[in-house]
Amino acid sequence: MKRILRVFATETFSIYLVSQIASGLVFDKGIQSVLITGLALTGATFLVRPIVNLLLLPLNIMTFGFLRWLSHAVTLFLVDLVLPEFGVLSFSFSGFRSELFSLPPVILEAGPFSYIAFSFILALITTIIYWLVD
């Protein structure tokens, strides 16, 4: 139970943070939709992601685990199919500039690349959160 709550909190916070970093995620009912989406992502993490990871195992072995975030893309797509109040319209990142480094703006139309871009950021944020918590 404790693990389920930890995954729910992490997934909910991560999806909210991703929606603040890049635009294109739509939550029709505001915070209620964010919580429902976090719940659906938690369910997909425990039910769907192990199956997807097993199917993507040869690709992960060939790339030494570099493409493991593709399982996030599949679960994000499935959650978008199931929930009517959540949607991925497009991916739009306005860029970031500092004295140390610069990230250019990225705009992707609706489609598989939007899911991949959001899943990459989602996987990065959840990995950092799990690393900080442990």
C-alpha atoms as a PDB file:
ATOM      1  CA  MET A   1       0.000   0.000   0.000  1.00  0.00           C
ATOM      2  CA  LYS A   2       2.849   2.337   0.858  1.00  0.00           C
ATOM      3  CA  ARG A   3       4.464   1.676  -2.521  1.00  0.00           C
ATOM      4  CA  ILE A   4       1.207   2.381  -4.357  1.00  0.00           C
ATOM      5  CA  LEU A   5       0.809   5.712  -2.564  1.00  0.00           C
ATOM      6  CA  ARG A   6       4.422   6.638  -3.318  1.00  0.00           C
ATOM      7  CA  VAL A   7       3.978   5.836  -7.017  1.00  0.00           C
ATOM      8  CA  PHE A   8       0.675   7.762  -7.092  1.00  0.00           C
ATOM      9  CA  ALA A   9       2.256  10.844  -5.515  1.00  0.00           C
ATOM     10  CA  THR A  10       5.273  10.666  -7.801  1.00  0.00           C
ATOM     11  CA  GLU A  11       3.272  10.160 -11.004  1.00  0.00           C
ATOM     12  CA  THR A  12       0.755  12.884 -10.107  1.00  0.00           C
ATOM     13  CA  PHE A  13       3.439  15.413  -9.218  1.00  0.00           C
ATOM     14  CA  SER A  14       5.458  14.479 -12.311  1.00  0.00           C
ATOM     15  CA  ILE A  15       2.556  14.860 -14.737  1.00  0.00           C
ATOM     16  CA  TYR A  16       1.701  18.233 -13.185  1.00  0.00           C
ATOM     17  CA  LEU A  17       5.326  19.371 -13.419  1.00  0.00           C
ATOM     18  CA  VAL A  18       5.558  18.222 -17.035  1.00  0.00           C
ATOM     19  CA  SER A  19       2.438  20.227 -17.872  1.00  0.00           C
ATOM     20  CA  GLN A  20       4.122  23.301 -16.383  1.00  0.00           C
ATOM     21  CA  ILE A  21       7.399  22.772 -18.273  1.00  0.00           C
ATOM     22  CA  ALA A  22       5.887  22.167 -21.714  1.00  0.00           C
ATOM     23  CA  SER A  23       2.435  22.987 -22.967  1.00  0.00           C
ATOM     24  CA  GLY A  24       0.182  20.586 -24.819  1.00  0.00           C
ATOM     25  CA  LEU A  25      -1.214  18.454 -21.999  1.00  0.00           C
ATOM     26  CA  VAL A  26      -4.888  19.204 -21.430  1.00  0.00           C
ATOM     27  CA  PHE A  27      -6.676  18.626 -18.133  1.00  0.00           C
ATOM     28  CA  ASP A  28     -10.371  19.467 -18.685  1.00  0.00           C
ATOM     29  CA  LYS A  29     -11.402  19.641 -15.022  1.00  0.00           C
ATOM     30  CA  GLY A  30      -8.252  21.202 -13.558  1.00  0.00           C
ATOM     31  CA  ILE A  31      -6.728  19.636 -10.459  1.00  0.00           C
ATOM     32  CA  GLN A  32      -9.372  16.903 -10.385  1.00  0.00           C
ATOM     33  CA  SER A  33      -8.213  15.753 -13.822  1.00  0.00           C
ATOM     34  CA  VAL A  34      -4.581  15.857 -12.698  1.00  0.00           C
ATOM     35  CA  LEU A  35      -5.420  13.565  -9.772  1.00  0.00           C
ATOM     36  CA  ILE A  36      -7.426  11.184 -11.978  1.00  0.00           C
ATOM     37  CA  THR A  37      -4.599  11.129 -14.522  1.00  0.00           C
ATOM     38  CA  GLY A  38      -2.113  10.394 -11.732  1.00  0.00           C
ATOM     39  CA  LEU A  39      -4.330   7.530 -10.576  1.00  0.00           C
ATOM     40  CA  ALA A  40      -4.558   6.159 -14.128  1.00  0.00           C
ATOM     41  CA  LEU A  41      -0.784   6.465 -14.586  1.00  0.00           C
ATOM     42  CA  THR A  42      -0.302   4.607 -11.297  1.00  0.00           C
ATOM     43  CA  GLY A  43      -2.552   1.802 -12.486  1.00  0.00           C
ATOM     44  CA  ALA A  44      -0.756   1.701 -15.811  1.00  0.00           C
ATOM     45  CA  THR A  45       2.592   1.632 -14.013  1.00  0.00           C
ATOM     46  CA  PHE A  46       1.624  -1.522 -12.141  1.00  0.00           C
ATOM     47  CA  LEU A  47      -0.456  -3.262 -14.827  1.00  0.00           C
ATOM     48  CA  VAL A  48       0.694  -2.183 -18.288  1.00  0.00           C
ATOM     49  CA  ARG A  49       4.302  -1.034 -17.954  1.00  0.00           C
ATOM     50  CA  PRO A  50       5.717  -4.465 -16.943  1.00  0.00           C
ATOM     51  CA  ILE A  51       4.157  -5.994 -20.069  1.00  0.00           C
ATOM     52  CA  VAL A  52       5.452  -3.169 -22.265  1.00  0.00           C
ATOM     53  CA  ASN A  53       8.913  -3.462 -20.698  1.00  0.00           C
ATOM     54  CA  LEU A  54       8.893  -7.170 -21.475  1.00  0.00           C
ATOM     55  CA  LEU A  55       7.902  -6.507 -25.081  1.00  0.00           C
ATOM     56  CA  LEU A  56      10.591  -3.818 -25.421  1.00  0.00           C
ATOM     57  CA  LEU A  57      13.250  -5.965 -23.739  1.00  0.00           C
ATOM     58  CA  PRO A  58      15.218  -6.751 -26.917  1.00  0.00           C
ATOM     59  CA  LEU A  59      15.331  -3.058 -27.821  1.00  0.00           C
ATOM     60  CA  ASN A  60      16.397  -2.151 -24.287  1.00  0.00           C
ATOM     61  CA  ILE A  61      19.137  -4.775 -24.343  1.00  0.00           C
ATOM     62  CA  MET A  62      20.461  -3.531 -27.693  1.00  0.00           C
ATOM     63  CA  THR A  63      20.530   0.084 -26.494  1.00  0.00           C
ATOM     64  CA  PHE A  64      21.738  -0.765 -22.963  1.00  0.00           C
ATOM     65  CA  GLY A  65      18.491   0.564 -21.442  1.00  0.00           C
ATOM     66  CA  PHE A  66      18.675   3.953 -23.150  1.00  0.00           C
ATOM     67  CA  LEU A  67      15.195   3.608 -24.680  1.00  0.00           C
ATOM     68  CA  ARG A  68      13.494   2.477 -21.493  1.00  0.00           C
ATOM     69  CA  TRP A  69      11.462   5.696 -21.470  1.00  0.00           C
ATOM     70  CA  LEU A  70       9.475   4.350 -24.436  1.00  0.00           C
ATOM     71  CA  SER A  71       7.377   2.422 -21.929  1.00  0.00           C
ATOM     72  CA  HIS A  72       6.347   5.806 -20.503  1.00  0.00           C
ATOM     73  CA  ALA A  73       5.221   6.837 -24.005  1.00  0.00           C
ATOM     74  CA  VAL A  74       3.044   3.740 -24.367  1.00  0.00           C
ATOM     75  CA  THR A  75       1.457   4.171 -20.922  1.00  0.00           C
ATOM     76  CA  LEU A  76       0.872   7.880 -21.575  1.00  0.00           C
ATOM     77  CA  PHE A  77      -0.849   6.998 -24.863  1.00  0.00           C
ATOM     78  CA  LEU A  78      -3.022   4.365 -23.179  1.00  0.00           C
ATOM     79  CA  VAL A  79      -4.012   6.771 -20.397  1.00  0.00           C
ATOM     80  CA  ASP A  80      -4.930   9.333 -23.061  1.00  0.00           C
ATOM     81  CA  LEU A  81      -7.129   6.739 -24.772  1.00  0.00           C
ATOM     82  CA  VAL A  82      -8.908   5.769 -21.543  1.00  0.00           C
ATOM     83  CA  LEU A  83      -9.470   9.165 -19.902  1.00  0.00           C
ATOM     84  CA  PRO A  84     -11.737  11.675 -21.645  1.00  0.00           C
ATOM     85  CA  GLU A  85     -10.644  14.553 -19.376  1.00  0.00           C
ATOM     86  CA  PHE A  86      -6.942  14.154 -20.242  1.00  0.00           C
ATOM     87  CA  GLY A  87      -5.376  14.696 -23.631  1.00  0.00           C
ATOM     88  CA  VAL A  88      -2.110  15.258 -25.419  1.00  0.00           C
ATOM     89  CA  LEU A  89      -2.670  17.861 -28.120  1.00  0.00           C
ATOM     90  CA  SER A  90       0.863  18.817 -29.079  1.00  0.00           C
ATOM     91  CA  PHE A  91       4.261  19.383 -27.522  1.00  0.00           C
ATOM     92  CA  SER A  92       5.489  22.942 -27.146  1.00  0.00           C
ATOM     93  CA  PHE A  93       8.601  23.817 -25.162  1.00  0.00           C
ATOM     94  CA  SER A  94       9.507  27.499 -25.189  1.00  0.00           C
ATOM     95  CA  GLY A  95      13.188  26.883 -24.521  1.00  0.00           C
ATOM     96  CA  PHE A  96      15.526  27.725 -21.679  1.00  0.00           C
ATOM     97  CA  ARG A  97      18.598  29.909 -21.541  1.00  0.00           C
ATOM     98  CA  SER A  98      21.137  30.395 -18.772  1.00  0.00           C
ATOM     99  CA  GLU A  99      24.803  31.233 -18.506  1.00  0.00           C
ATOM    100  CA  LEU A 100      25.722  27.531 -18.337  1.00  0.00           C
ATOM    101  CA  PHE A 101      23.636  26.081 -21.154  1.00  0.00           C
ATOM    102  CA  SER A 102      20.807  26.764 -23.543  1.00  0.00           C
ATOM    103  CA  LEU A 103      17.880  24.587 -24.635  1.00  0.00           C
ATOM    104  CA  PRO A 104      16.226  25.602 -27.909  1.00  0.00           C
ATOM    105  CA  PRO A 105      12.462  25.858 -28.308  1.00  0.00           C
ATOM    106  CA  VAL A 106      10.761  22.704 -29.587  1.00  0.00           C
ATOM    107  CA  ILE A 107       7.301  22.508 -31.135  1.00  0.00           C
ATOM    108  CA  LEU A 108       5.803  19.184 -32.225  1.00  0.00           C
ATOM    109  CA  GLU A 109       2.362  18.715 -33.715  1.00  0.00           C
ATOM    110  CA  ALA A 110      -0.081  16.140 -32.354  1.00  0.00           C
ATOM    111  CA  GLY A 111       1.063  12.613 -32.951  1.00  0.00           C
ATOM    112  CA  PRO A 112       3.480   9.982 -31.700  1.00  0.00           C
ATOM    113  CA  PHE A 113       6.369  12.423 -31.353  1.00  0.00           C
ATOM    114  CA  SER A 114       4.357  14.473 -28.854  1.00  0.00           C
ATOM    115  CA  TYR A 115       3.886  11.381 -26.691  1.00  0.00           C
ATOM    116  CA  ILE A 116       7.577  10.543 -26.994  1.00  0.00           C
ATOM    117  CA  ALA A 117       8.646  14.062 -26.022  1.00  0.00           C
ATOM    118  CA  PHE A 118       6.309  14.185 -23.021  1.00  0.00           C
ATOM    119  CA  SER A 119       7.302  10.678 -21.958  1.00  0.00           C
ATOM    120  CA  PHE A 120      10.981  11.581 -22.110  1.00  0.00           C
ATOM    121  CA  ILE A 121      10.457  14.514 -19.737  1.00  0.00           C
ATOM    122  CA  LEU A 122       8.107  12.444 -17.566  1.00  0.00           C
ATOM    123  CA  ALA A 123      10.642   9.619 -17.290  1.00  0.00           C
ATOM    124  CA  LEU A 124      13.410  12.089 -16.471  1.00  0.00           C
ATOM    125  CA  ILE A 125      11.394  13.762 -13.703  1.00  0.00           C
ATOM    126  CA  THR A 126      10.177  10.505 -12.145  1.00  0.00           C
ATOM    127  CA  THR A 127      13.718   9.111 -12.204  1.00  0.00           C
ATOM    128  CA  ILE A 128      15.025  12.200 -10.420  1.00  0.00           C
ATOM    129  CA  ILE A 129      12.229  12.039  -7.843  1.00  0.00           C
ATOM    130  CA  TYR A 130      12.833   8.333  -7.128  1.00  0.00           C
ATOM    131  CA  TRP A 131      16.562   9.003  -6.902  1.00  0.00           C
ATOM    132  CA  LEU A 132      15.995  11.837  -4.394  1.00  0.00           C
ATOM    133  CA  VAL A 133      13.529   9.825  -2.292  1.00  0.00           C
ATOM    134  CA  ASP A 134      15.749   6.749  -2.070  1.00  0.00           C
END
